[in-house]
């Protein structure tokens, strides 16, 4: 049986161009994640507070502007928004090597560039959520998401190594040129890809029959006059979307508690070396790739609900094994690596299912607005989790903090493990709600 993602890449030129651009941009983002902190710490000889400030500036737009950005971007040309965001990031990131060469690079400038670049990344991400369903058919939506997610995971695995080589060769500021090239490739890929509606109009400008099947019937408007809160109403008005949203927010908060205490417990108390800890965390990237690759096959065999349940067991329950082992050194690093590998497989599965379900359950003319609301809730839980991580670690100890974070991950799965969700067989077709009917002939998750 041919892999549906590979078939899509071979047969759909528009999606292939988009996918190639996203691969280049994802690799560039990995370089930025390594290079910018190094620019702050080495080129500017700044301390931990400055490094944290610059890092926080990049994520602050997601917390501040997601809801507003999704509302304002709804109904706009996604392709133009994405190309503009990519080009703007090129211009912004160019300021860092230019300022470094000119001798006027500073921490405030780095923070400002990172903040504005984060705004552009937010615009691109919200627009992309609505752009991919317009680029491929509904049958190809899950394979398309899997292809993009798999490439992103590969760059997450190999990107840090590539970033290290570039920083060693040309310095941290110079390495950002590779990120700029990635955004240029992304802009070119988006600009050269054509949504299906445009392709249909080009093929038969005067014929409504050329519109893809189901296109006319799948734009229900939940409100006559959408407001800033429309996206939230959509997410919390549907039981499946509500479960996905609550799960994601709780998971992110619990992950902060888990990971921030885990590094302190492992390195300071269990004698796990910093290098060994970094290698152990790489298991999550390997697992994420494996989970992404097997996601569609698992859902085909078991059904969407059971497949999602498996992914939740791996990503939410397996971390409970971390604090129970009284091990030290490389042995403890091996336990962490195994847990991260299994957790990564679960996350890889869940990311494909969740993204595709949201794209098919949300009305097509509300995708961007709802994506902004979803991002707002997701990112809003991260600083809360980071704050709780410090409180729990200080009052109960870091090992107990790891346990509390792991229990939080388990609790995040509860909204998803309802009988109605577990009985789901397929991701719905356009214009239909999720159903719990038994699988029939030809049912597949794709």
Protein backbone atom coordinates (compact mmCIF):
# COMPACT_ATOMS: atom_id res chain seq x y z
CA UNK A 1 0.00 0.00 0.00
CA UNK A 2 1.48 3.34 -1.03
CA UNK A 3 2.07 5.92 1.66
CA UNK A 4 -0.62 8.65 1.25
CA UNK A 5 1.73 11.48 2.24
CA UNK A 6 4.29 10.39 -0.33
CA UNK A 7 1.61 10.07 -3.01
CA UNK A 8 0.38 13.58 -2.21
CA UNK A 9 3.89 15.02 -2.48
CA UNK A 10 4.43 13.31 -5.83
CA UNK A 11 1.11 14.27 -7.39
CA UNK A 12 0.27 17.71 -5.97
CA UNK A 13 2.79 20.28 -7.16
CA UNK A 14 1.29 23.16 -5.17
CA UNK A 15 1.44 21.27 -1.90
CA UNK A 16 4.95 20.00 -2.70
CA UNK A 17 6.19 23.57 -3.11
CA UNK A 18 4.55 24.61 0.13
CA UNK A 19 6.03 21.59 1.93
CA UNK A 20 9.55 22.28 0.67
CA UNK A 21 9.32 25.87 1.82
CA UNK A 22 8.11 24.85 5.26
CA UNK A 23 10.96 22.37 5.60
CA UNK A 24 13.48 25.14 4.89
CA UNK A 25 11.76 27.54 7.30
CA UNK A 26 11.61 24.90 10.04
CA UNK A 27 15.33 24.21 9.70
CA UNK A 28 15.96 27.95 9.91
CA UNK A 29 13.86 28.21 13.06
CA UNK A 30 16.04 25.58 14.72
CA UNK A 31 19.11 27.62 13.89
CA UNK A 32 17.49 30.73 15.36
CA UNK A 33 16.69 28.85 18.57
CA UNK A 34 20.39 28.11 19.04
CA UNK A 35 21.96 31.22 17.52
CA UNK A 36 19.98 33.99 19.22
CA UNK A 37 20.76 32.87 22.80
CA UNK A 38 24.41 32.46 21.79
CA UNK A 39 24.45 35.96 20.30
CA UNK A 40 23.08 37.27 23.59
CA UNK A 41 25.43 35.29 25.82
CA UNK A 42 28.63 35.35 23.75
CA UNK A 43 28.59 38.29 21.33
CA UNK A 44 27.13 40.61 23.99
CA UNK A 45 28.61 38.84 27.04
CA UNK A 46 25.17 39.04 28.69
CA UNK A 47 23.99 37.08 31.74
CA UNK A 48 21.09 34.68 32.31
CA UNK A 49 18.58 37.49 32.88
CA UNK A 50 19.30 39.01 29.47
CA UNK A 51 19.19 35.61 27.75
CA UNK A 52 15.80 34.93 29.37
CA UNK A 53 14.52 38.36 28.37
CA UNK A 54 15.39 37.85 24.72
CA UNK A 55 13.93 34.33 24.71
CA UNK A 56 10.71 35.48 26.37
CA UNK A 57 10.31 38.31 23.86
CA UNK A 58 9.89 35.77 21.07
CA UNK A 59 6.95 34.00 22.71
CA UNK A 60 5.27 37.06 24.20
CA UNK A 61 3.26 37.85 21.00
CA UNK A 62 1.51 34.47 21.26
CA UNK A 63 0.32 35.32 24.74
CA UNK A 64 -0.65 38.92 23.96
CA UNK A 65 -2.01 38.89 20.43
CA UNK A 66 -3.23 35.41 19.41
CA UNK A 67 -6.93 36.10 19.94
CA UNK A 68 -6.81 39.53 18.28
CA UNK A 69 -4.61 38.35 15.41
CA UNK A 70 -6.88 35.42 14.60
CA UNK A 71 -9.90 37.72 14.56
CA UNK A 72 -8.23 40.31 12.31
CA UNK A 73 -6.75 37.76 9.92
CA UNK A 74 -10.06 35.94 9.37
CA UNK A 75 -11.27 36.42 5.81
CA UNK A 76 -7.99 37.84 4.54
CA UNK A 77 -5.86 36.29 1.81
CA UNK A 78 -3.81 33.75 3.77
CA UNK A 79 -1.19 33.39 1.08
CA UNK A 80 -0.42 37.12 1.07
CA UNK A 81 -0.30 37.23 4.88
CA UNK A 82 2.11 34.30 4.99
CA UNK A 83 4.43 35.67 2.31
CA UNK A 84 4.46 39.09 3.98
CA UNK A 85 5.25 37.50 7.35
CA UNK A 86 8.15 35.51 5.89
CA UNK A 87 9.65 38.52 4.12
CA UNK A 88 9.26 40.67 7.22
CA UNK A 89 11.14 38.09 9.26
CA UNK A 90 13.99 38.17 6.73
CA UNK A 91 14.26 41.94 7.11
CA UNK A 92 14.06 41.78 10.89
CA UNK A 93 16.63 39.01 11.33
CA UNK A 94 19.01 40.81 8.97
CA UNK A 95 19.33 43.53 11.58
CA UNK A 96 21.23 41.22 13.94
CA UNK A 97 24.28 40.43 11.75
CA UNK A 98 24.25 44.00 10.40
CA UNK A 99 24.21 45.47 13.91
CA UNK A 100 26.89 43.04 15.03
CA UNK A 101 29.13 43.97 12.12
CA UNK A 102 28.49 47.68 12.74
CA UNK A 103 29.20 47.43 16.46
CA UNK A 104 25.78 48.65 17.64
CA UNK A 105 24.16 45.34 18.61
CA UNK A 106 22.52 45.43 22.05
CA UNK A 107 20.20 43.38 24.25
CA UNK A 108 17.25 45.79 23.75
CA UNK A 109 17.71 45.55 19.97
CA UNK A 110 17.82 41.74 20.15
CA UNK A 111 14.68 41.69 22.29
CA UNK A 112 12.87 44.04 19.90
CA UNK A 113 13.85 41.99 16.84
CA UNK A 114 12.85 38.75 18.55
CA UNK A 115 9.51 40.20 19.64
CA UNK A 116 8.64 41.51 16.16
CA UNK A 117 9.82 38.26 14.58
CA UNK A 118 7.52 36.41 16.98
CA UNK A 119 4.63 38.58 15.79
CA UNK A 120 5.40 37.57 12.21
CA UNK A 121 5.62 33.89 13.19
CA UNK A 122 2.22 34.17 14.88
CA UNK A 123 0.65 35.66 11.74
CA UNK A 124 2.19 32.94 9.59
CA UNK A 125 1.07 30.10 11.86
CA UNK A 126 -2.53 31.26 12.15
CA UNK A 127 -2.77 31.80 8.40
CA UNK A 128 -1.19 28.42 7.65
CA UNK A 129 -3.82 26.64 9.75
CA UNK A 130 -6.47 27.88 7.29
CA UNK A 131 -4.26 27.71 4.19
CA UNK A 132 -3.50 23.97 4.19
CA UNK A 133 -7.20 22.92 4.06
CA UNK A 134 -7.60 25.26 1.08
CA UNK A 135 -4.53 23.76 -0.59
CA UNK A 136 -5.47 20.06 -0.52
CA UNK A 137 -8.66 18.02 -0.61
CA UNK A 138 -10.26 16.81 2.61
CA UNK A 139 -9.16 13.27 1.86
CA UNK A 140 -5.56 14.50 1.70
CA UNK A 141 -5.71 16.75 4.76
CA UNK A 142 -4.33 14.23 7.26
CA UNK A 143 -1.52 13.08 4.91
CA UNK A 144 -0.65 16.73 4.29
CA UNK A 145 -0.48 17.50 8.01
CA UNK A 146 1.59 14.40 8.59
CA UNK A 147 4.06 15.36 5.85
CA UNK A 148 4.56 18.84 7.29
CA UNK A 149 4.76 17.55 10.86
CA UNK A 150 7.27 14.83 9.93
CA UNK A 151 9.53 17.34 8.22
CA UNK A 152 9.31 19.66 11.21
CA UNK A 153 10.27 16.79 13.51
CA UNK A 154 13.26 15.87 11.34
CA UNK A 155 14.53 19.45 11.51
CA UNK A 156 14.02 19.43 15.28
CA UNK A 157 16.28 16.39 15.46
CA UNK A 158 18.98 17.53 13.03
CA UNK A 159 18.60 21.29 13.36
CA UNK A 160 20.58 21.79 16.59
CA UNK A 161 23.56 19.92 15.14
CA UNK A 162 23.43 21.96 11.94
CA UNK A 163 23.13 25.13 14.01
CA UNK A 164 26.19 24.17 16.02
CA UNK A 165 28.25 23.65 12.87
CA UNK A 166 27.14 26.97 11.40
CA UNK A 167 27.82 28.88 14.60
CA UNK A 168 31.28 27.31 14.77
CA UNK A 169 31.98 28.20 11.15
CA UNK A 170 30.60 31.74 10.79
CA UNK A 171 29.67 32.83 14.31
CA UNK A 172 26.24 33.10 15.91
CA UNK A 173 25.18 36.33 14.12
CA UNK A 174 26.30 35.00 10.74
CA UNK A 175 24.40 31.74 11.26
CA UNK A 176 21.15 33.72 11.18
CA UNK A 177 21.69 34.26 7.46
CA UNK A 178 20.69 30.60 7.02
CA UNK A 179 17.44 31.36 8.86
CA UNK A 180 16.79 34.27 6.51
CA UNK A 181 17.30 31.97 3.52
CA UNK A 182 14.82 29.53 5.07
CA UNK A 183 12.18 32.24 5.28
CA UNK A 184 12.86 33.28 1.69
CA UNK A 185 12.36 29.65 0.61
CA UNK A 186 9.14 29.52 2.62
CA UNK A 187 7.86 32.72 1.01
CA UNK A 188 8.68 31.33 -2.45
CA UNK A 189 6.93 28.04 -1.65
CA UNK A 190 3.77 29.75 -0.40
CA UNK A 191 3.71 32.27 -3.26
CA UNK A 192 4.02 29.54 -5.89
CA UNK A 193 1.36 27.26 -4.37
CA UNK A 194 -2.23 27.72 -5.49
CA UNK A 195 -5.30 26.91 -3.39
CA UNK A 196 -7.79 24.52 -5.00
CA UNK A 197 -10.39 27.25 -5.56
CA UNK A 198 -7.93 29.24 -7.67
CA UNK A 199 -6.99 26.13 -9.63
CA UNK A 200 -10.68 25.37 -10.24
CA UNK A 201 -11.38 28.92 -11.40
CA UNK A 202 -8.40 28.82 -13.74
CA UNK A 203 -9.64 25.57 -15.22
CA UNK A 204 -13.30 26.64 -15.62
CA UNK A 205 -13.84 30.29 -14.72
CA UNK A 206 -17.56 30.34 -15.42
CA UNK A 207 -18.49 26.95 -14.02
CA UNK A 208 -19.63 26.42 -10.46
CA UNK A 209 -19.47 22.71 -11.15
CA UNK A 210 -15.70 22.96 -11.11
CA UNK A 211 -15.73 23.80 -7.41
CA UNK A 212 -14.44 20.88 -5.31
CA UNK A 213 -17.18 18.60 -4.04
CA UNK A 214 -18.66 19.74 -0.78
CA UNK A 215 -17.07 23.21 -0.98
CA UNK A 216 -20.37 25.07 -1.24
CA UNK A 217 -21.92 23.38 1.75
CA UNK A 218 -19.17 23.63 4.31
CA UNK A 219 -19.02 27.25 5.31
CA UNK A 220 -21.61 27.46 8.05
CA UNK A 221 -21.28 30.75 9.88
CA UNK A 222 -21.74 30.28 13.61
CA UNK A 223 -22.67 33.94 14.12
CA UNK A 224 -23.99 36.61 11.78
CA UNK A 225 -21.64 39.15 13.30
CA UNK A 226 -18.41 37.49 14.45
CA UNK A 227 -16.73 39.10 17.42
CA UNK A 228 -13.38 38.79 19.15
CA UNK A 229 -14.83 35.94 21.22
CA UNK A 230 -16.25 33.98 18.28
CA UNK A 231 -13.23 31.70 18.09
CA UNK A 232 -13.54 30.83 21.78
CA UNK A 233 -17.26 30.16 21.37
CA UNK A 234 -16.54 27.75 18.52
CA UNK A 235 -13.89 25.89 20.51
CA UNK A 236 -15.95 25.56 23.68
CA UNK A 237 -19.31 25.10 21.96
CA UNK A 238 -18.40 21.72 20.45
CA UNK A 239 -17.66 18.85 22.82
CA UNK A 240 -14.80 17.46 20.74
CA UNK A 241 -13.14 20.83 20.15
CA UNK A 242 -13.62 21.65 23.82
CA UNK A 243 -11.91 18.42 24.84
CA UNK A 244 -8.97 19.09 22.50
CA UNK A 245 -8.57 22.64 23.77
CA UNK A 246 -8.76 21.83 27.48
CA UNK A 247 -6.37 18.92 26.99
CA UNK A 248 -3.81 21.07 25.16
CA UNK A 249 -3.90 23.88 27.74
CA UNK A 250 -3.62 21.51 30.71
CA UNK A 251 -0.90 19.49 28.98
CA UNK A 252 1.24 22.57 28.32
CA UNK A 253 0.98 23.79 31.90
CA UNK A 254 1.80 20.34 33.30
CA UNK A 255 4.71 19.96 30.89
CA UNK A 256 6.27 23.15 32.26
CA UNK A 257 6.04 21.78 35.80
CA UNK A 258 7.51 18.45 34.71
CA UNK A 259 10.39 19.64 32.55
CA UNK A 260 11.57 22.60 34.65
CA UNK A 261 11.79 20.38 37.73
CA UNK A 262 13.19 17.41 35.82
CA UNK A 263 16.33 19.20 34.70
CA UNK A 264 17.06 20.32 38.28
CA UNK A 265 16.36 16.90 39.78
CA UNK A 266 18.31 14.98 37.14
CA UNK A 267 21.36 17.24 36.92
CA UNK A 268 21.67 18.48 40.50
CA UNK A 269 20.50 15.47 42.52
CA UNK A 270 20.85 12.40 40.28
CA UNK A 271 24.27 13.26 38.82
CA UNK A 272 23.09 13.23 35.20
CA UNK A 273 25.60 15.20 33.16
CA UNK A 274 24.39 18.12 31.08
CA UNK A 275 25.50 16.37 27.88
CA UNK A 276 23.82 13.12 28.89
CA UNK A 277 20.62 15.00 29.74
CA UNK A 278 20.63 16.70 26.33
CA UNK A 279 21.06 13.36 24.57
CA UNK A 280 18.23 11.88 26.63
CA UNK A 281 15.87 14.66 25.60
CA UNK A 282 16.71 13.97 21.95
CA UNK A 283 14.69 10.78 22.35
CA UNK A 284 11.55 12.90 22.21
CA UNK A 285 12.44 14.09 18.72
CA UNK A 286 13.11 10.56 17.48
CA UNK A 287 9.85 9.37 19.02
CA UNK A 288 7.97 12.31 17.53
CA UNK A 289 9.12 11.33 14.05
CA UNK A 290 8.12 7.70 14.56
CA UNK A 291 4.73 8.70 15.94
CA UNK A 292 4.06 11.03 13.04
CA UNK A 293 4.93 8.35 10.50
CA UNK A 294 2.67 5.68 12.01
CA UNK A 295 -0.25 7.97 12.93
CA UNK A 296 -2.42 7.33 9.88
CA UNK A 297 -1.81 3.59 9.81
CA UNK A 298 -2.67 3.25 13.50
CA UNK A 299 -5.91 5.19 13.03
CA UNK A 300 -6.77 3.08 9.97
CA UNK A 301 -6.30 -0.15 11.91
CA UNK A 302 -7.81 0.77 15.28
CA UNK A 303 -10.08 3.74 14.53
CA UNK A 304 -9.51 7.36 15.45
CA UNK A 305 -10.74 7.15 19.06
CA UNK A 306 -8.66 4.13 20.11
CA UNK A 307 -5.62 5.48 18.23
CA UNK A 308 -5.93 8.79 20.06
CA UNK A 309 -6.23 6.88 23.35
CA UNK A 310 -2.96 5.04 22.63
CA UNK A 311 -1.24 8.33 21.91
CA UNK A 312 -2.53 9.78 25.19
CA UNK A 313 -1.30 6.80 27.19
CA UNK A 314 2.18 7.25 25.73
CA UNK A 315 2.38 11.02 26.01
CA UNK A 316 0.51 11.52 29.29
CA UNK A 317 0.91 8.34 31.37
CA UNK A 318 4.43 7.12 30.60
CA UNK A 319 6.13 10.18 32.25
CA UNK A 320 4.84 8.86 35.59
CA UNK A 321 7.78 6.44 35.40
CA UNK A 322 10.35 9.24 35.69
CA UNK A 323 10.38 10.00 39.44
CA UNK A 324 10.05 6.40 40.66
CA UNK A 325 13.56 5.29 39.66
CA UNK A 326 16.28 5.82 42.35
CA UNK A 327 18.99 5.83 39.66
CA UNK A 328 21.90 8.15 38.92
CA UNK A 329 24.24 9.13 36.10
CA UNK A 330 24.00 7.52 32.70
CA UNK A 331 21.51 4.91 33.96
CA UNK A 332 19.07 7.63 34.89
CA UNK A 333 19.77 9.34 31.56
CA UNK A 334 18.79 6.07 29.86
CA UNK A 335 15.47 6.01 31.72
CA UNK A 336 14.80 9.62 30.72
CA UNK A 337 15.64 8.81 27.09
CA UNK A 338 13.27 5.82 27.04
CA UNK A 339 10.44 7.84 28.57
CA UNK A 340 11.02 10.70 26.15
CA UNK A 341 11.06 8.30 23.20
CA UNK A 342 7.68 6.81 24.14
CA UNK A 343 6.26 10.21 25.00
CA UNK A 344 7.46 11.55 21.65
CA UNK A 345 5.68 8.75 19.79
CA UNK A 346 2.44 9.67 21.54
CA UNK A 347 2.88 13.37 20.80
CA UNK A 348 3.64 12.67 17.15
CA UNK A 349 0.41 10.70 16.81
CA UNK A 350 -1.67 13.23 18.74
CA UNK A 351 -0.39 16.24 16.79
CA UNK A 352 -1.56 14.77 13.48
CA UNK A 353 -4.97 13.77 14.85
CA UNK A 354 -5.62 17.01 16.72
CA UNK A 355 -4.60 19.33 13.89
CA UNK A 356 -6.68 17.49 11.29
CA UNK A 357 -9.72 17.19 13.56
CA UNK A 358 -9.73 20.92 14.31
CA UNK A 359 -9.37 21.80 10.62
CA UNK A 360 -12.35 19.63 9.71
CA UNK A 361 -14.63 20.42 12.66
CA UNK A 362 -14.25 24.22 12.54
CA UNK A 363 -16.23 26.04 9.80
CA UNK A 364 -13.89 26.92 6.97
CA UNK A 365 -14.65 30.63 7.17
CA UNK A 366 -13.73 30.65 10.88
CA UNK A 367 -10.45 28.68 10.78
CA UNK A 368 -8.09 31.60 11.36
CA UNK A 369 -10.20 33.18 14.10
CA UNK A 370 -10.51 29.83 15.89
CA UNK A 371 -6.79 29.12 15.47
CA UNK A 372 -6.08 32.42 17.23
CA UNK A 373 -8.36 31.46 20.10
CA UNK A 374 -6.77 28.00 20.37
CA UNK A 375 -3.27 29.50 20.37
CA UNK A 376 -4.28 32.03 23.01
CA UNK A 377 -5.52 29.29 25.35
CA UNK A 378 -2.51 27.05 24.68
CA UNK A 379 0.15 29.70 25.20
CA UNK A 380 -1.73 31.31 28.04
CA UNK A 381 -1.24 28.16 30.11
CA UNK A 382 2.55 28.07 29.63
CA UNK A 383 3.53 30.98 31.91
CA UNK A 384 1.06 29.68 34.50
CA UNK A 385 2.75 26.30 34.37
CA UNK A 386 6.20 27.88 34.64
CA UNK A 387 5.09 29.83 37.72
CA UNK A 388 3.61 26.71 39.32
CA UNK A 389 6.80 24.79 38.53
CA UNK A 390 8.81 27.17 40.71
CA UNK A 391 6.26 27.13 43.53
CA UNK A 392 6.02 23.32 43.58
CA UNK A 393 9.77 22.84 43.31
CA UNK A 394 10.49 25.27 46.14
CA UNK A 395 7.83 23.95 48.53
CA UNK A 396 7.80 20.20 47.82
CA UNK A 397 11.18 19.61 46.20
CA UNK A 398 12.12 19.08 42.57
CA UNK A 399 11.51 15.31 42.58
CA UNK A 400 7.99 15.93 43.85
CA UNK A 401 7.72 18.62 41.16
CA UNK A 402 8.44 15.98 38.52
CA UNK A 403 5.70 13.79 39.99
CA UNK A 404 3.21 16.67 40.15
CA UNK A 405 3.93 17.54 36.51
CA UNK A 406 3.50 13.91 35.46
CA UNK A 407 0.18 13.66 37.31
CA UNK A 408 -0.90 16.86 35.58
CA UNK A 409 -0.20 15.24 32.21
CA UNK A 410 -2.43 12.32 33.17
CA UNK A 411 -5.22 14.69 34.21
CA UNK A 412 -4.93 16.52 30.90
CA UNK A 413 -6.05 13.34 29.11
CA UNK A 414 -9.28 13.00 31.11
CA UNK A 415 -11.43 15.28 28.85
CA UNK A 416 -10.42 13.15 25.85
CA UNK A 417 -11.21 9.74 27.33
CA UNK A 418 -14.99 9.89 27.11
CA UNK A 419 -17.02 7.01 25.63
CA UNK A 420 -18.12 9.20 22.71
CA UNK A 421 -14.54 10.08 21.86
CA UNK A 422 -13.21 6.54 22.27
CA UNK A 423 -15.86 5.19 19.87
CA UNK A 424 -14.85 7.52 17.04
CA UNK A 425 -13.83 5.67 13.91
CA UNK A 426 -12.96 8.41 11.41
CA UNK A 427 -12.18 12.06 11.03
CA UNK A 428 -15.37 13.59 9.60
CA UNK A 429 -15.96 14.50 6.00
CA UNK A 430 -16.79 18.15 5.12
CA UNK A 431 -20.08 19.39 6.47
CA UNK A 432 -20.51 16.52 8.94
CA UNK A 433 -20.02 16.38 12.66
CA UNK A 434 -17.80 13.75 14.21
CA UNK A 435 -19.73 10.52 14.47
CA UNK A 436 -19.37 7.41 16.56
CA UNK A 437 -20.86 5.03 14.03
CA UNK A 438 -19.09 1.74 13.37
CA UNK A 439 -16.56 1.78 10.58
CA UNK A 440 -18.06 0.99 7.22
CA UNK A 441 -16.61 -0.01 3.90
CA UNK A 442 -14.08 2.47 2.65
CA UNK A 443 -13.73 4.29 6.02
CA UNK A 444 -10.24 5.67 6.50
CA UNK A 445 -8.50 8.50 8.27
CA UNK A 446 -6.97 10.61 5.56
